[in-house]
């Protein structure tokens, strides 16, 4: 029987490929787990704390109805974060832009950072405000606001209808602060439905006095271990000002500034996006694995 030389060559190549051990494409040790990432660990602890309280949990963020103003398709207001008894609230200016296309853009920032009214550690020359230029790189055109957007205000919520044929609606709840986005008769997106919004506000670094180490008696070993840094409210601040991983230490002169938020898509089974690492576009649950940076959602 005659065998083509090409088929013989292909058979040899396939045999050689079978001898090659599959390579590991991802070095997991180069990526932080949630417990190794300060912002992820803090926000998951916040969510766990809220979830454990069930119906007794109330989000500390409220929108002042007296501050709300809607003009030319843009809503502005002031969101306050309660810090507890004896501590003043933190102010977060809110902007919601209602576009002709039916899209809405929600922006919340910290007033102190916007005004650069904060102090950086060790005389750092880093910018004091949060980075807020992502839209210049990620959004292209079609940002015209709906000048005919119609607001209506009640004690509990502000409702704005907008978009093509006024078929879109945003219901902005005042206390606790939350937003529901409707298209027609169905809710499409809910922000802060579970009350997990967590915007880490600026706070000064309190330099604590260095306490002398407990010296063991002669011939004895000390068994004391350093306690994790914690605030009076019980928050772990060990990763607020610096963080180490893989032999490198990153300084954080502005302190903690992460943002956590629960976003619900009622009736949808899949959420698609472009994750930081190779994976399916239909995003998977990351609760038990390393956190993902989502490039687009």
Protein backbone atom coordinates (compact mmCIF):
# COMPACT_ATOMS: atom_id res chain seq x y z
CA UNK A 1 0.00 0.00 0.00
CA UNK A 2 1.33 3.44 -0.94
CA UNK A 3 1.50 6.09 1.82
CA UNK A 4 1.90 9.77 0.97
CA UNK A 5 5.12 11.33 2.38
CA UNK A 6 3.00 14.20 3.70
CA UNK A 7 0.88 11.83 5.77
CA UNK A 8 3.98 10.15 7.15
CA UNK A 9 5.44 13.49 8.19
CA UNK A 10 2.15 14.48 9.84
CA UNK A 11 2.07 11.20 11.78
CA UNK A 12 5.59 11.82 13.11
CA UNK A 13 4.68 15.37 14.19
CA UNK A 14 1.57 14.15 16.02
CA UNK A 15 3.59 11.50 17.84
CA UNK A 16 6.12 14.11 18.95
CA UNK A 17 3.35 16.42 20.17
CA UNK A 18 1.96 13.62 22.31
CA UNK A 19 5.32 13.44 24.11
CA UNK A 20 5.29 17.11 25.06
CA UNK A 21 3.92 17.82 28.52
CA UNK A 22 1.27 20.53 28.60
CA UNK A 23 2.62 23.83 29.83
CA UNK A 24 1.01 25.77 32.66
CA UNK A 25 -0.27 28.95 31.03
CA UNK A 26 -0.98 30.93 34.20
CA UNK A 27 1.37 31.38 37.13
CA UNK A 28 -1.20 31.73 39.89
CA UNK A 29 1.46 32.71 42.40
CA UNK A 30 1.92 35.98 40.49
CA UNK A 31 -1.69 37.03 41.12
CA UNK A 32 -3.05 38.08 44.47
CA UNK A 33 -5.83 36.17 46.11
CA UNK A 34 -8.51 38.23 47.80
CA UNK A 35 -6.90 37.69 51.21
CA UNK A 36 -3.64 39.05 49.80
CA UNK A 37 -5.27 42.12 48.28
CA UNK A 38 -6.14 44.79 50.84
CA UNK A 39 -9.05 46.43 49.02
CA UNK A 40 -10.67 43.09 48.16
CA UNK A 41 -10.32 41.71 51.67
CA UNK A 42 -11.75 44.89 53.21
CA UNK A 43 -14.74 45.08 50.86
CA UNK A 44 -15.58 41.39 51.23
CA UNK A 45 -15.42 41.77 55.00
CA UNK A 46 -17.78 44.75 54.69
CA UNK A 47 -20.20 42.70 52.56
CA UNK A 48 -20.03 39.76 54.97
CA UNK A 49 -20.73 42.06 57.90
CA UNK A 50 -23.76 43.52 56.12
CA UNK A 51 -25.07 40.12 55.01
CA UNK A 52 -24.74 38.63 58.49
CA UNK A 53 -27.07 41.32 59.89
CA UNK A 54 -29.83 40.48 57.41
CA UNK A 55 -32.79 42.86 57.53
CA UNK A 56 -31.16 44.74 60.41
CA UNK A 57 -28.50 46.10 58.04
CA UNK A 58 -28.99 49.61 56.68
CA UNK A 59 -26.61 51.21 54.21
CA UNK A 60 -24.98 54.32 55.75
CA UNK A 61 -25.39 56.33 52.52
CA UNK A 62 -28.29 58.76 52.10
CA UNK A 63 -29.14 61.32 49.41
CA UNK A 64 -30.32 64.70 50.69
CA UNK A 65 -33.54 65.53 48.77
CA UNK A 66 -32.96 69.28 49.33
CA UNK A 67 -29.67 69.06 47.42
CA UNK A 68 -31.19 67.53 44.27
CA UNK A 69 -31.23 69.63 41.12
CA UNK A 70 -32.06 68.40 37.60
CA UNK A 71 -31.10 70.62 34.67
CA UNK A 72 -30.47 69.89 30.99
CA UNK A 73 -30.56 66.14 31.54
CA UNK A 74 -28.13 66.11 34.48
CA UNK A 75 -29.05 65.39 38.10
CA UNK A 76 -26.80 66.71 40.85
CA UNK A 77 -27.10 66.08 44.56
CA UNK A 78 -25.16 65.31 47.73
CA UNK A 79 -24.81 61.83 49.22
CA UNK A 80 -23.80 61.60 52.88
CA UNK A 81 -22.04 58.68 54.54
CA UNK A 82 -22.75 58.23 58.23
CA UNK A 83 -19.69 57.22 60.26
CA UNK A 84 -21.52 56.49 63.47
CA UNK A 85 -22.18 58.25 66.73
CA UNK A 86 -19.81 61.09 67.55
CA UNK A 87 -18.34 61.28 64.05
CA UNK A 88 -19.43 63.69 61.35
CA UNK A 89 -20.73 62.46 57.97
CA UNK A 90 -18.63 62.39 54.81
CA UNK A 91 -20.01 64.19 51.73
CA UNK A 92 -20.02 62.66 48.25
CA UNK A 93 -21.25 64.83 45.33
CA UNK A 94 -23.50 62.81 43.00
CA UNK A 95 -23.93 63.37 39.25
CA UNK A 96 -26.24 61.33 37.01
CA UNK A 97 -26.22 62.20 33.31
CA UNK A 98 -29.24 60.99 31.30
CA UNK A 99 -28.27 60.56 27.65
CA UNK A 100 -30.42 60.73 24.53
CA UNK A 101 -29.50 57.12 23.78
CA UNK A 102 -31.13 55.87 26.99
CA UNK A 103 -27.80 55.34 28.74
CA UNK A 104 -27.22 56.90 32.15
CA UNK A 105 -23.83 57.73 33.69
CA UNK A 106 -23.55 57.74 37.49
CA UNK A 107 -20.62 59.50 39.14
CA UNK A 108 -20.00 59.67 42.88
CA UNK A 109 -16.86 61.23 44.34
CA UNK A 110 -15.61 62.44 47.70
CA UNK A 111 -15.90 66.17 48.26
CA UNK A 112 -12.67 66.46 50.26
CA UNK A 113 -10.68 64.72 47.54
CA UNK A 114 -12.32 66.77 44.78
CA UNK A 115 -11.31 69.96 46.57
CA UNK A 116 -7.86 68.56 47.36
CA UNK A 117 -8.60 69.25 51.00
CA UNK A 118 -6.54 66.32 52.26
CA UNK A 119 -3.02 65.82 53.54
CA UNK A 120 -0.69 63.26 52.02
CA UNK A 121 1.84 61.36 54.08
CA UNK A 122 5.55 62.13 54.01
CA UNK A 123 5.07 65.21 51.83
CA UNK A 124 4.03 63.14 48.81
CA UNK A 125 3.51 65.10 45.57
CA UNK A 126 0.90 62.63 44.25
CA UNK A 127 -2.37 64.14 43.03
CA UNK A 128 -4.84 64.52 45.89
CA UNK A 129 -8.02 63.89 43.92
CA UNK A 130 -9.12 60.47 42.71
CA UNK A 131 -8.23 59.52 39.15
CA UNK A 132 -11.29 60.54 37.12
CA UNK A 133 -10.16 60.54 33.49
CA UNK A 134 -11.18 57.00 32.49
CA UNK A 135 -14.12 58.32 30.48
CA UNK A 136 -11.75 60.21 28.17
CA UNK A 137 -10.21 56.87 27.17
CA UNK A 138 -13.15 54.47 27.43
CA UNK A 139 -16.14 56.41 26.07
CA UNK A 140 -16.37 57.56 22.47
CA UNK A 141 -19.08 60.04 21.48
CA UNK A 142 -22.85 59.93 21.97
CA UNK A 143 -22.70 61.71 25.32
CA UNK A 144 -25.39 64.26 24.51
CA UNK A 145 -27.75 64.58 27.47
CA UNK A 146 -31.52 64.47 27.10
CA UNK A 147 -32.51 68.09 27.71
CA UNK A 148 -36.16 66.99 28.01
CA UNK A 149 -35.53 64.58 30.89
CA UNK A 150 -38.49 65.01 33.25
CA UNK A 151 -37.97 64.71 37.03
CA UNK A 152 -40.59 64.12 39.72
CA UNK A 153 -39.77 64.27 43.43
CA UNK A 154 -41.36 62.59 46.46
CA UNK A 155 -40.12 62.24 50.02
CA UNK A 156 -38.79 58.74 49.30
CA UNK A 157 -37.38 58.99 45.79
CA UNK A 158 -36.69 61.10 42.72
CA UNK A 159 -37.85 59.68 39.39
CA UNK A 160 -36.46 60.85 36.06
CA UNK A 161 -37.89 59.73 32.70
CA UNK A 162 -35.64 60.14 29.67
CA UNK A 163 -34.36 58.62 26.45
CA UNK A 164 -36.14 57.68 23.20
CA UNK A 165 -39.88 58.14 23.65
CA UNK A 166 -39.36 58.70 27.38
CA UNK A 167 -39.31 54.91 27.67
CA UNK A 168 -36.41 54.91 30.16
CA UNK A 169 -36.73 55.71 33.83
CA UNK A 170 -34.38 56.08 36.78
CA UNK A 171 -35.72 55.84 40.32
CA UNK A 172 -33.21 57.40 42.73
CA UNK A 173 -34.03 56.38 46.30
CA UNK A 174 -33.03 58.84 48.99
CA UNK A 175 -32.54 56.78 52.14
CA UNK A 176 -30.70 54.56 51.88
CA UNK A 177 -29.26 55.76 48.58
CA UNK A 178 -29.96 53.38 45.68
CA UNK A 179 -30.86 53.60 41.99
CA UNK A 180 -33.15 51.43 39.85
CA UNK A 181 -32.97 51.75 36.07
CA UNK A 182 -36.07 50.82 34.07
CA UNK A 183 -36.72 50.26 30.38
CA UNK A 184 -40.41 50.13 29.67
CA UNK A 185 -42.09 48.14 32.43
CA UNK A 186 -39.04 46.15 33.53
CA UNK A 187 -36.13 46.92 35.85
CA UNK A 188 -32.84 46.37 34.04
CA UNK A 189 -30.20 47.36 36.60
CA UNK A 190 -30.25 47.99 40.36
CA UNK A 191 -27.45 49.83 42.16
CA UNK A 192 -26.94 49.31 45.90
CA UNK A 193 -30.03 47.14 46.23
CA UNK A 194 -28.28 45.07 48.92
CA UNK A 195 -26.75 48.12 50.59
CA UNK A 196 -23.13 47.11 49.96
CA UNK A 197 -21.94 50.47 48.61
CA UNK A 198 -18.61 51.20 50.32
CA UNK A 199 -16.60 54.27 49.30
CA UNK A 200 -13.51 54.43 51.45
CA UNK A 201 -13.16 58.05 52.53
CA UNK A 202 -9.98 59.92 53.27
CA UNK A 203 -8.79 59.99 56.86
CA UNK A 204 -5.53 61.16 58.42
CA UNK A 205 -2.91 58.66 59.39
CA UNK A 206 -2.73 58.49 63.18
CA UNK A 207 0.84 57.73 64.08
CA UNK A 208 0.69 55.49 67.11
CA UNK A 209 3.48 55.54 69.69
CA UNK A 210 5.85 52.61 69.48
CA UNK A 211 5.33 50.44 72.51
CA UNK A 212 8.31 48.62 74.00
CA UNK A 213 8.39 44.94 73.22
CA UNK A 214 7.55 42.53 76.00
CA UNK A 215 10.87 41.26 77.20
CA UNK A 216 10.93 37.67 78.35
CA UNK A 217 12.71 36.74 81.52
CA UNK A 218 16.20 35.37 81.20
CA UNK A 219 16.09 31.86 79.81
CA UNK A 220 12.49 32.19 78.57
CA UNK A 221 11.18 32.78 75.07
CA UNK A 222 8.63 35.45 74.39
CA UNK A 223 5.36 34.02 73.03
CA UNK A 224 3.65 37.35 72.35
CA UNK A 225 2.67 38.13 68.76
CA UNK A 226 2.00 41.57 67.31
CA UNK A 227 -1.70 42.43 67.17
CA UNK A 228 -3.15 43.44 63.80
CA UNK A 229 -3.58 47.19 63.41
CA UNK A 230 -7.17 48.21 64.04
CA UNK A 231 -9.16 51.40 64.46
CA UNK A 232 -11.50 52.22 67.30
CA UNK A 233 -14.37 51.00 65.09
CA UNK A 234 -12.68 47.63 64.74
CA UNK A 235 -11.56 48.05 61.11
CA UNK A 236 -8.28 46.43 60.15
CA UNK A 237 -6.02 49.23 58.88
CA UNK A 238 -2.96 47.06 58.22
CA UNK A 239 -3.27 47.63 54.44
CA UNK A 240 -4.50 51.23 54.51
CA UNK A 241 -1.10 52.88 54.16
CA UNK A 242 1.12 50.27 52.55
CA UNK A 243 0.87 46.78 51.14
CA UNK A 244 3.43 44.09 50.37
CA UNK A 245 3.35 41.25 47.84
CA UNK A 246 6.01 39.23 46.09
CA UNK A 247 8.81 40.99 47.95
CA UNK A 248 7.66 44.47 46.94
CA UNK A 249 6.01 47.08 49.15
CA UNK A 250 3.67 49.72 47.74
CA UNK A 251 3.22 52.91 49.74
CA UNK A 252 -0.24 54.52 49.84
CA UNK A 253 0.20 58.20 50.75
CA UNK A 254 -3.53 58.85 50.18
CA UNK A 255 -4.65 55.98 52.36
CA UNK A 256 -7.56 53.67 51.51
CA UNK A 257 -9.66 54.82 48.52
CA UNK A 258 -11.34 51.75 47.05
CA UNK A 259 -14.98 51.58 45.99
CA UNK A 260 -17.30 48.61 46.49
CA UNK A 261 -20.83 48.36 45.09
CA UNK A 262 -23.42 45.65 44.51
CA UNK A 263 -24.97 45.74 41.02
CA UNK A 264 -27.98 43.52 40.29
CA UNK A 265 -29.26 42.56 36.82
CA UNK A 266 -32.79 41.19 37.50
CA UNK A 267 -33.81 38.36 35.18
CA UNK A 268 -30.39 37.96 33.55
CA UNK A 269 -28.43 34.69 33.77
CA UNK A 270 -25.15 35.93 32.27
CA UNK A 271 -23.05 39.06 32.65
CA UNK A 272 -20.48 39.57 29.90
CA UNK A 273 -17.22 41.47 30.14
CA UNK A 274 -13.51 41.40 29.35
CA UNK A 275 -11.66 40.08 32.43
CA UNK A 276 -8.08 40.81 33.39
CA UNK A 277 -7.00 37.18 32.87
CA UNK A 278 -7.84 34.75 30.11
CA UNK A 279 -11.31 33.34 30.61
CA UNK A 280 -14.83 33.18 29.24
CA UNK A 281 -16.61 36.41 28.35
CA UNK A 282 -19.53 35.18 30.45
CA UNK A 283 -18.03 36.18 33.78
CA UNK A 284 -17.76 33.59 36.53
CA UNK A 285 -18.25 33.92 40.26
CA UNK A 286 -14.95 34.99 41.87
CA UNK A 287 -15.91 34.67 45.51
CA UNK A 288 -13.64 31.68 46.15
CA UNK A 289 -10.81 32.58 43.77
CA UNK A 290 -8.63 35.57 42.94
CA UNK A 291 -10.36 38.88 42.17
CA UNK A 292 -10.61 40.03 38.54
CA UNK A 293 -10.13 43.46 37.12
CA UNK A 294 -12.90 43.96 34.55
CA UNK A 295 -11.73 45.91 31.54
CA UNK A 296 -15.23 46.33 30.11
CA UNK A 297 -18.68 45.28 31.32
